[in-house]
Amino acid sequence: MSSATTQVLQLLRELQQDRRDYQQVADLLQQQYRALLAADSRLTLQISDRLHELYLVLTASARLRSQRLKTLHLATNAQGMQQFMALLPVSLRHQVSALWQQLLQLAAQCQQQNSRNGVLLSLQLETLSTLQLQTPQSFLYQP
């Protein structure tokens, strides 16, 4: 098997793993939102730790994907992925294109969920800060 063929096969496997990892991130972000709503700081921290681990894995995978594209003499960005897919046989091209679109959608979904969680966390911290600054009498007796 040629080096280029090996690079292509590895890239395809890695894309599939990325999809699984992004799905796991999406699931964890949903769990994190529920933990934040429940004010479960212990669970929120555990989920945050796992998310951090997955972010590191996905970052490393993106770097590796760029390296593989470079090895194949393609651009190391989204345009390079389009170039990569254009080189594949038609039957495989459609599968890989669908996989890539799923990855892009999952990444966008994760970004939205993460932003939503960040807003909730900020509101909670702001509320907590406000409560801590008030004296017990002012909190209890002000309209």
N, C-alpha and C. Protein backbone atom coordinates (compact mmCIF):
# COMPACT_ATOMS: atom_id res chain seq x y z
N MET A 1 0.84 -1.17 0.00
CA MET A 1 0.00 0.00 0.00
C MET A 1 0.89 1.24 0.00
N SER A 2 0.57 2.19 -0.85
CA SER A 2 1.40 3.40 -0.95
C SER A 2 1.19 4.30 0.26
N SER A 3 2.14 5.19 0.43
CA SER A 3 2.07 6.14 1.54
C SER A 3 0.83 7.02 1.43
N ALA A 4 0.51 7.45 0.21
CA ALA A 4 -0.67 8.30 0.01
C ALA A 4 -1.94 7.54 0.36
N THR A 5 -2.01 6.27 -0.02
CA THR A 5 -3.18 5.46 0.30
C THR A 5 -3.31 5.28 1.80
N THR A 6 -2.20 5.08 2.46
CA THR A 6 -2.20 4.94 3.92
C THR A 6 -2.69 6.23 4.56
N GLN A 7 -2.22 7.38 4.07
CA GLN A 7 -2.64 8.67 4.59
C GLN A 7 -4.15 8.87 4.41
N VAL A 8 -4.67 8.48 3.26
CA VAL A 8 -6.10 8.61 2.98
C VAL A 8 -6.91 7.75 3.94
N LEU A 9 -6.50 6.50 4.10
CA LEU A 9 -7.22 5.59 4.99
C LEU A 9 -7.18 6.09 6.44
N GLN A 10 -6.03 6.57 6.86
CA GLN A 10 -5.91 7.11 8.22
C GLN A 10 -6.81 8.33 8.40
N LEU A 11 -6.83 9.18 7.42
CA LEU A 11 -7.66 10.38 7.48
C LEU A 11 -9.13 10.01 7.60
N LEU A 12 -9.56 9.01 6.86
CA LEU A 12 -10.95 8.56 6.92
C LEU A 12 -11.28 7.99 8.30
N ARG A 13 -10.38 7.19 8.85
CA ARG A 13 -10.60 6.64 10.20
C ARG A 13 -10.67 7.75 11.24
N GLU A 14 -9.80 8.71 11.09
CA GLU A 14 -9.75 9.83 12.05
C GLU A 14 -11.01 10.70 11.97
N LEU A 15 -11.54 10.88 10.78
CA LEU A 15 -12.79 11.63 10.63
C LEU A 15 -13.93 10.91 11.35
N GLN A 16 -13.96 9.60 11.22
CA GLN A 16 -15.00 8.82 11.92
C GLN A 16 -14.84 8.94 13.43
N GLN A 17 -13.60 8.89 13.91
CA GLN A 17 -13.36 9.04 15.35
C GLN A 17 -13.73 10.45 15.81
N ASP A 18 -13.42 11.45 14.99
CA ASP A 18 -13.80 12.82 15.34
C ASP A 18 -15.31 12.95 15.48
N ARG A 19 -16.04 12.31 14.60
CA ARG A 19 -17.51 12.36 14.69
C ARG A 19 -17.97 11.77 16.02
N ARG A 20 -17.40 10.64 16.41
CA ARG A 20 -17.75 10.03 17.70
C ARG A 20 -17.37 10.96 18.85
N ASP A 21 -16.20 11.57 18.77
CA ASP A 21 -15.75 12.48 19.83
C ASP A 21 -16.64 13.72 19.93
N TYR A 22 -16.99 14.30 18.77
CA TYR A 22 -17.87 15.47 18.80
C TYR A 22 -19.25 15.12 19.33
N GLN A 23 -19.74 13.93 19.02
CA GLN A 23 -21.03 13.51 19.56
C GLN A 23 -20.94 13.39 21.08
N GLN A 24 -19.81 12.88 21.55
CA GLN A 24 -19.61 12.77 22.99
C GLN A 24 -19.55 14.17 23.63
N VAL A 25 -18.89 15.10 22.97
CA VAL A 25 -18.85 16.48 23.47
C VAL A 25 -20.27 17.05 23.54
N ALA A 26 -21.05 16.85 22.49
CA ALA A 26 -22.43 17.35 22.48
C ALA A 26 -23.23 16.77 23.64
N ASP A 27 -23.08 15.47 23.86
CA ASP A 27 -23.79 14.82 24.97
C ASP A 27 -23.34 15.38 26.31
N LEU A 28 -22.03 15.55 26.48
CA LEU A 28 -21.51 16.09 27.73
C LEU A 28 -21.96 17.54 27.96
N LEU A 29 -22.04 18.32 26.90
CA LEU A 29 -22.50 19.70 27.05
C LEU A 29 -23.96 19.75 27.50
N GLN A 30 -24.76 18.80 27.02
CA GLN A 30 -26.15 18.71 27.49
C GLN A 30 -26.18 18.35 28.97
N GLN A 31 -25.34 17.38 29.36
CA GLN A 31 -25.26 16.98 30.76
C GLN A 31 -24.78 18.15 31.63
N GLN A 32 -23.81 18.89 31.11
CA GLN A 32 -23.28 20.04 31.84
C GLN A 32 -24.37 21.08 32.07
N TYR A 33 -25.19 21.31 31.07
CA TYR A 33 -26.29 22.28 31.19
C TYR A 33 -27.24 21.85 32.31
N ARG A 34 -27.60 20.57 32.31
CA ARG A 34 -28.49 20.06 33.36
C ARG A 34 -27.83 20.17 34.74
N ALA A 35 -26.54 19.88 34.81
CA ALA A 35 -25.81 19.99 36.08
C ALA A 35 -25.76 21.44 36.55
N LEU A 36 -25.57 22.37 35.61
CA LEU A 36 -25.56 23.79 35.97
C LEU A 36 -26.93 24.22 36.48
N LEU A 37 -27.99 23.78 35.81
CA LEU A 37 -29.34 24.12 36.25
C LEU A 37 -29.62 23.58 37.65
N ALA A 38 -29.08 22.40 37.93
CA ALA A 38 -29.27 21.78 39.25
C ALA A 38 -28.30 22.32 40.29
N ALA A 39 -27.40 23.21 39.86
CA ALA A 39 -26.37 23.77 40.74
C ALA A 39 -25.54 22.66 41.38
N ASP A 40 -25.26 21.63 40.58
CA ASP A 40 -24.45 20.50 41.05
C ASP A 40 -23.00 20.78 40.66
N SER A 41 -22.29 21.45 41.54
CA SER A 41 -20.92 21.88 41.21
C SER A 41 -19.98 20.70 41.04
N ARG A 42 -20.16 19.65 41.82
CA ARG A 42 -19.28 18.48 41.71
C ARG A 42 -19.42 17.83 40.33
N LEU A 43 -20.66 17.61 39.91
CA LEU A 43 -20.90 17.00 38.60
C LEU A 43 -20.45 17.94 37.48
N THR A 44 -20.71 19.23 37.64
CA THR A 44 -20.28 20.21 36.63
C THR A 44 -18.77 20.16 36.44
N LEU A 45 -18.04 20.06 37.54
CA LEU A 45 -16.59 20.00 37.47
C LEU A 45 -16.12 18.71 36.79
N GLN A 46 -16.75 17.59 37.12
CA GLN A 46 -16.38 16.32 36.48
C GLN A 46 -16.61 16.38 34.97
N ILE A 47 -17.75 16.92 34.59
CA ILE A 47 -18.07 17.04 33.16
C ILE A 47 -17.08 17.99 32.48
N SER A 48 -16.78 19.09 33.14
CA SER A 48 -15.82 20.06 32.57
C SER A 48 -14.45 19.43 32.35
N ASP A 49 -14.03 18.60 33.30
CA ASP A 49 -12.74 17.91 33.15
C ASP A 49 -12.76 16.99 31.94
N ARG A 50 -13.85 16.24 31.77
CA ARG A 50 -13.96 15.32 30.63
C ARG A 50 -14.01 16.10 29.31
N LEU A 51 -14.74 17.22 29.32
CA LEU A 51 -14.80 18.06 28.12
C LEU A 51 -13.42 18.58 27.75
N HIS A 52 -12.66 19.00 28.75
CA HIS A 52 -11.31 19.49 28.49
C HIS A 52 -10.46 18.40 27.83
N GLU A 53 -10.57 17.18 28.33
CA GLU A 53 -9.83 16.06 27.73
C GLU A 53 -10.23 15.86 26.27
N LEU A 54 -11.52 15.91 26.00
CA LEU A 54 -11.99 15.74 24.61
C LEU A 54 -11.55 16.90 23.72
N TYR A 55 -11.55 18.12 24.25
CA TYR A 55 -11.08 19.27 23.47
C TYR A 55 -9.62 19.08 23.08
N LEU A 56 -8.83 18.57 23.99
CA LEU A 56 -7.41 18.31 23.67
C LEU A 56 -7.29 17.25 22.59
N VAL A 57 -8.09 16.20 22.68
CA VAL A 57 -8.06 15.13 21.67
C VAL A 57 -8.47 15.69 20.31
N LEU A 58 -9.54 16.48 20.28
CA LEU A 58 -10.02 17.03 19.01
C LEU A 58 -9.05 18.05 18.42
N THR A 59 -8.39 18.80 19.27
CA THR A 59 -7.38 19.76 18.79
C THR A 59 -6.21 19.01 18.16
N ALA A 60 -5.77 17.95 18.82
CA ALA A 60 -4.68 17.14 18.27
C ALA A 60 -5.10 16.50 16.96
N SER A 61 -6.33 16.06 16.88
CA SER A 61 -6.84 15.44 15.66
C SER A 61 -6.88 16.45 14.50
N ALA A 62 -7.29 17.67 14.80
CA ALA A 62 -7.32 18.71 13.76
C ALA A 62 -5.91 19.00 13.25
N ARG A 63 -4.94 19.04 14.17
CA ARG A 63 -3.55 19.25 13.75
C ARG A 63 -3.07 18.11 12.86
N LEU A 64 -3.39 16.90 13.27
CA LEU A 64 -2.99 15.72 12.49
C LEU A 64 -3.65 15.73 11.12
N ARG A 65 -4.93 16.13 11.06
CA ARG A 65 -5.63 16.21 9.78
C ARG A 65 -4.94 17.21 8.87
N SER A 66 -4.53 18.34 9.43
CA SER A 66 -3.81 19.34 8.63
C SER A 66 -2.49 18.77 8.11
N GLN A 67 -1.80 18.03 8.96
CA GLN A 67 -0.54 17.41 8.54
C GLN A 67 -0.77 16.40 7.42
N ARG A 68 -1.82 15.61 7.56
CA ARG A 68 -2.12 14.61 6.52
C ARG A 68 -2.46 15.30 5.20
N LEU A 69 -3.25 16.36 5.28
CA LEU A 69 -3.58 17.09 4.06
C LEU A 69 -2.32 17.67 3.43
N LYS A 70 -1.43 18.19 4.25
CA LYS A 70 -0.17 18.75 3.76
C LYS A 70 0.66 17.65 3.09
N THR A 71 0.70 16.47 3.71
CA THR A 71 1.44 15.34 3.13
C THR A 71 0.89 14.97 1.76
N LEU A 72 -0.43 15.14 1.59
CA LEU A 72 -1.08 14.85 0.31
C LEU A 72 -1.01 16.04 -0.65
N HIS A 73 -0.25 17.09 -0.26
CA HIS A 73 -0.05 18.30 -1.06
C HIS A 73 -1.36 19.06 -1.29
N LEU A 74 -2.16 19.12 -0.22
CA LEU A 74 -3.42 19.85 -0.27
C LEU A 74 -3.37 20.97 0.77
N ALA A 75 -4.28 21.93 0.61
CA ALA A 75 -4.37 23.02 1.59
C ALA A 75 -4.72 22.43 2.96
N THR A 76 -4.27 23.09 3.99
CA THR A 76 -4.47 22.57 5.35
C THR A 76 -5.64 23.25 6.05
N ASN A 77 -6.74 23.42 5.31
CA ASN A 77 -7.92 24.07 5.84
C ASN A 77 -9.17 23.41 5.25
N ALA A 78 -10.31 24.05 5.39
CA ALA A 78 -11.56 23.49 4.86
C ALA A 78 -11.49 23.30 3.35
N GLN A 79 -10.79 24.21 2.68
CA GLN A 79 -10.63 24.07 1.23
C GLN A 79 -9.83 22.80 0.91
N GLY A 80 -8.86 22.49 1.73
CA GLY A 80 -8.09 21.27 1.54
C GLY A 80 -8.94 20.03 1.69
N MET A 81 -9.89 20.07 2.61
CA MET A 81 -10.81 18.93 2.75
C MET A 81 -11.66 18.78 1.51
N GLN A 82 -12.08 19.91 0.95
CA GLN A 82 -12.86 19.85 -0.29
C GLN A 82 -12.01 19.27 -1.43
N GLN A 83 -10.75 19.69 -1.49
CA GLN A 83 -9.83 19.15 -2.49
C GLN A 83 -9.63 17.66 -2.28
N PHE A 84 -9.48 17.26 -1.03
CA PHE A 84 -9.30 15.85 -0.68
C PHE A 84 -10.50 15.03 -1.16
N MET A 85 -11.69 15.51 -0.86
CA MET A 85 -12.90 14.78 -1.26
C MET A 85 -13.05 14.69 -2.77
N ALA A 86 -12.61 15.73 -3.46
CA ALA A 86 -12.70 15.74 -4.92
C ALA A 86 -11.80 14.66 -5.55
N LEU A 87 -10.75 14.26 -4.84
CA LEU A 87 -9.83 13.24 -5.35
C LEU A 87 -10.34 11.81 -5.14
N LEU A 88 -11.33 11.66 -4.30
CA LEU A 88 -11.83 10.32 -3.96
C LEU A 88 -12.74 9.79 -5.06
N PRO A 89 -12.85 8.46 -5.16
CA PRO A 89 -13.84 7.89 -6.07
C PRO A 89 -15.24 8.38 -5.69
N VAL A 90 -16.11 8.49 -6.66
CA VAL A 90 -17.43 9.09 -6.45
C VAL A 90 -18.18 8.44 -5.29
N SER A 91 -18.20 7.12 -5.23
CA SER A 91 -18.96 6.45 -4.17
C SER A 91 -18.41 6.81 -2.78
N LEU A 92 -17.13 6.88 -2.66
CA LEU A 92 -16.50 7.23 -1.40
C LEU A 92 -16.62 8.72 -1.12
N ARG A 93 -16.57 9.50 -2.18
CA ARG A 93 -16.66 10.96 -2.05
C ARG A 93 -17.95 11.38 -1.35
N HIS A 94 -19.06 10.74 -1.73
CA HIS A 94 -20.34 11.09 -1.14
C HIS A 94 -20.39 10.72 0.34
N GLN A 95 -19.82 9.58 0.68
CA GLN A 95 -19.79 9.15 2.09
C GLN A 95 -18.93 10.09 2.93
N VAL A 96 -17.76 10.42 2.41
CA VAL A 96 -16.84 11.29 3.14
C VAL A 96 -17.42 12.71 3.23
N SER A 97 -18.05 13.16 2.18
CA SER A 97 -18.68 14.48 2.20
C SER A 97 -19.78 14.53 3.26
N ALA A 98 -20.58 13.48 3.34
CA ALA A 98 -21.63 13.42 4.36
C ALA A 98 -21.02 13.40 5.75
N LEU A 99 -19.95 12.65 5.93
CA LEU A 99 -19.26 12.58 7.21
C LEU A 99 -18.71 13.95 7.59
N TRP A 100 -18.08 14.63 6.63
CA TRP A 100 -17.51 15.96 6.88
C TRP A 100 -18.61 16.95 7.26
N GLN A 101 -19.75 16.89 6.56
CA GLN A 101 -20.87 17.78 6.88
C GLN A 101 -21.40 17.51 8.28
N GLN A 102 -21.47 16.23 8.66
CA GLN A 102 -21.90 15.88 10.02
C GLN A 102 -20.94 16.47 11.05
N LEU A 103 -19.65 16.37 10.76
CA LEU A 103 -18.65 16.93 11.68
C LEU A 103 -18.83 18.44 11.82
N LEU A 104 -19.02 19.12 10.71
CA LEU A 104 -19.20 20.57 10.75
C LEU A 104 -20.46 20.94 11.54
N GLN A 105 -21.54 20.18 11.32
CA GLN A 105 -22.79 20.45 12.04
C GLN A 105 -22.64 20.17 13.54
N LEU A 106 -21.97 19.07 13.87
CA LEU A 106 -21.75 18.75 15.28
C LEU A 106 -20.89 19.82 15.95
N ALA A 107 -19.86 20.26 15.26
CA ALA A 107 -18.99 21.30 15.81
C ALA A 107 -19.77 22.59 16.06
N ALA A 108 -20.62 22.97 15.12
CA ALA A 108 -21.45 24.18 15.29
C ALA A 108 -22.43 23.99 16.43
N GLN A 109 -23.03 22.81 16.52
CA GLN A 109 -23.96 22.51 17.61
C GLN A 109 -23.24 22.59 18.96
N CYS A 110 -22.05 22.03 19.03
CA CYS A 110 -21.27 22.07 20.28
C CYS A 110 -20.92 23.50 20.65
N GLN A 111 -20.58 24.30 19.67
CA GLN A 111 -20.24 25.70 19.93
C GLN A 111 -21.45 26.45 20.50
N GLN A 112 -22.63 26.19 19.94
CA GLN A 112 -23.85 26.83 20.44
C GLN A 112 -24.17 26.36 21.87
N GLN A 113 -24.05 25.06 22.09
CA GLN A 113 -24.32 24.52 23.43
C GLN A 113 -23.33 25.08 24.45
N ASN A 114 -22.08 25.16 24.06
CA ASN A 114 -21.06 25.69 24.96
C ASN A 114 -21.35 27.15 25.30
N SER A 115 -21.77 27.93 24.31
CA SER A 115 -22.13 29.33 24.55
C SER A 115 -23.32 29.42 25.50
N ARG A 116 -24.32 28.58 25.28
CA ARG A 116 -25.50 28.57 26.16
C ARG A 116 -25.09 28.25 27.60
N ASN A 117 -24.22 27.24 27.76
CA ASN A 117 -23.75 26.87 29.09
C ASN A 117 -22.97 28.01 29.72
N GLY A 118 -22.17 28.71 28.92
CA GLY A 118 -21.39 29.83 29.42
C GLY A 118 -22.28 30.97 29.91
N VAL A 119 -23.36 31.23 29.18
CA VAL A 119 -24.31 32.27 29.59
C VAL A 119 -24.96 31.89 30.92
N LEU A 120 -25.40 30.63 31.03
CA LEU A 120 -26.01 30.18 32.27
C LEU A 120 -25.03 30.28 33.44
N LEU A 121 -23.81 29.84 33.23
CA LEU A 121 -22.80 29.91 34.28
C LEU A 121 -22.53 31.36 34.69
N SER A 122 -22.44 32.26 33.72
CA SER A 122 -22.22 33.68 34.02
C SER A 122 -23.37 34.26 34.85
N LEU A 123 -24.59 33.90 34.48
CA LEU A 123 -25.74 34.38 35.24
C LEU A 123 -25.71 33.85 36.67
N GLN A 124 -25.35 32.59 36.82
CA GLN A 124 -25.27 32.01 38.16
C GLN A 124 -24.19 32.70 38.99
N LEU A 125 -23.05 32.93 38.38
CA LEU A 125 -21.96 33.59 39.10
C LEU A 125 -22.33 35.02 39.48
N GLU A 126 -23.01 35.71 38.58
CA GLU A 126 -23.45 37.07 38.85
C GLU A 126 -24.45 37.09 40.01
N THR A 127 -25.38 36.15 39.99
CA THR A 127 -26.36 36.05 41.08
C THR A 127 -25.68 35.75 42.40
N LEU A 128 -24.77 34.80 42.37
CA LEU A 128 -24.04 34.44 43.60
C LEU A 128 -23.24 35.63 44.13
N SER A 129 -22.59 36.34 43.24
CA SER A 129 -21.80 37.50 43.64
C SER A 129 -22.70 38.57 44.26
N THR A 130 -23.84 38.80 43.67
CA THR A 130 -24.78 39.79 44.19
C THR A 130 -25.26 39.39 45.58
N LEU A 131 -25.57 38.12 45.76
CA LEU A 131 -26.04 37.64 47.06
C LEU A 131 -24.95 37.74 48.13
N GLN A 132 -23.73 37.49 47.74
CA GLN A 132 -22.62 37.55 48.70
C GLN A 132 -22.32 38.98 49.13
N LEU A 133 -22.59 39.96 48.29
CA LEU A 133 -22.30 41.35 48.61
C LEU A 133 -23.35 41.99 49.51
N GLN A 134 -24.53 41.40 49.54
CA GLN A 134 -25.60 41.98 50.35
C GLN A 134 -25.49 41.49 51.79
N THR A 135 -25.83 42.39 52.69
CA THR A 135 -25.89 41.98 54.09
C THR A 135 -27.18 41.20 54.31
N PRO A 136 -27.23 40.34 55.30
CA PRO A 136 -28.46 39.56 55.53
C PRO A 136 -29.69 40.44 55.70
N GLN A 137 -29.57 41.55 56.38
CA GLN A 137 -30.73 42.41 56.60
C GLN A 137 -31.22 43.02 55.29
N SER A 138 -30.31 43.50 54.45
CA SER A 138 -30.74 44.14 53.21
C SER A 138 -31.35 43.12 52.25
N PHE A 139 -30.88 41.93 52.30
CA PHE A 139 -31.41 40.89 51.42
C PHE A 139 -32.82 40.49 51.87
N LEU A 140 -33.01 40.40 53.16
CA LEU A 140 -34.30 39.94 53.68
C LEU A 140 -35.37 41.01 53.69
N TYR A 141 -34.99 42.26 53.88
CA TYR A 141 -36.01 43.28 54.14
C TYR A 141 -36.18 44.32 53.04
N GLN A 142 -35.49 44.19 51.95
CA GLN A 142 -35.68 45.15 50.87
C GLN A 142 -36.75 44.64 49.92
N PRO A 143 -37.59 45.55 49.44
CA PRO A 143 -38.65 45.14 48.50
C PRO A 143 -38.06 44.77 47.15
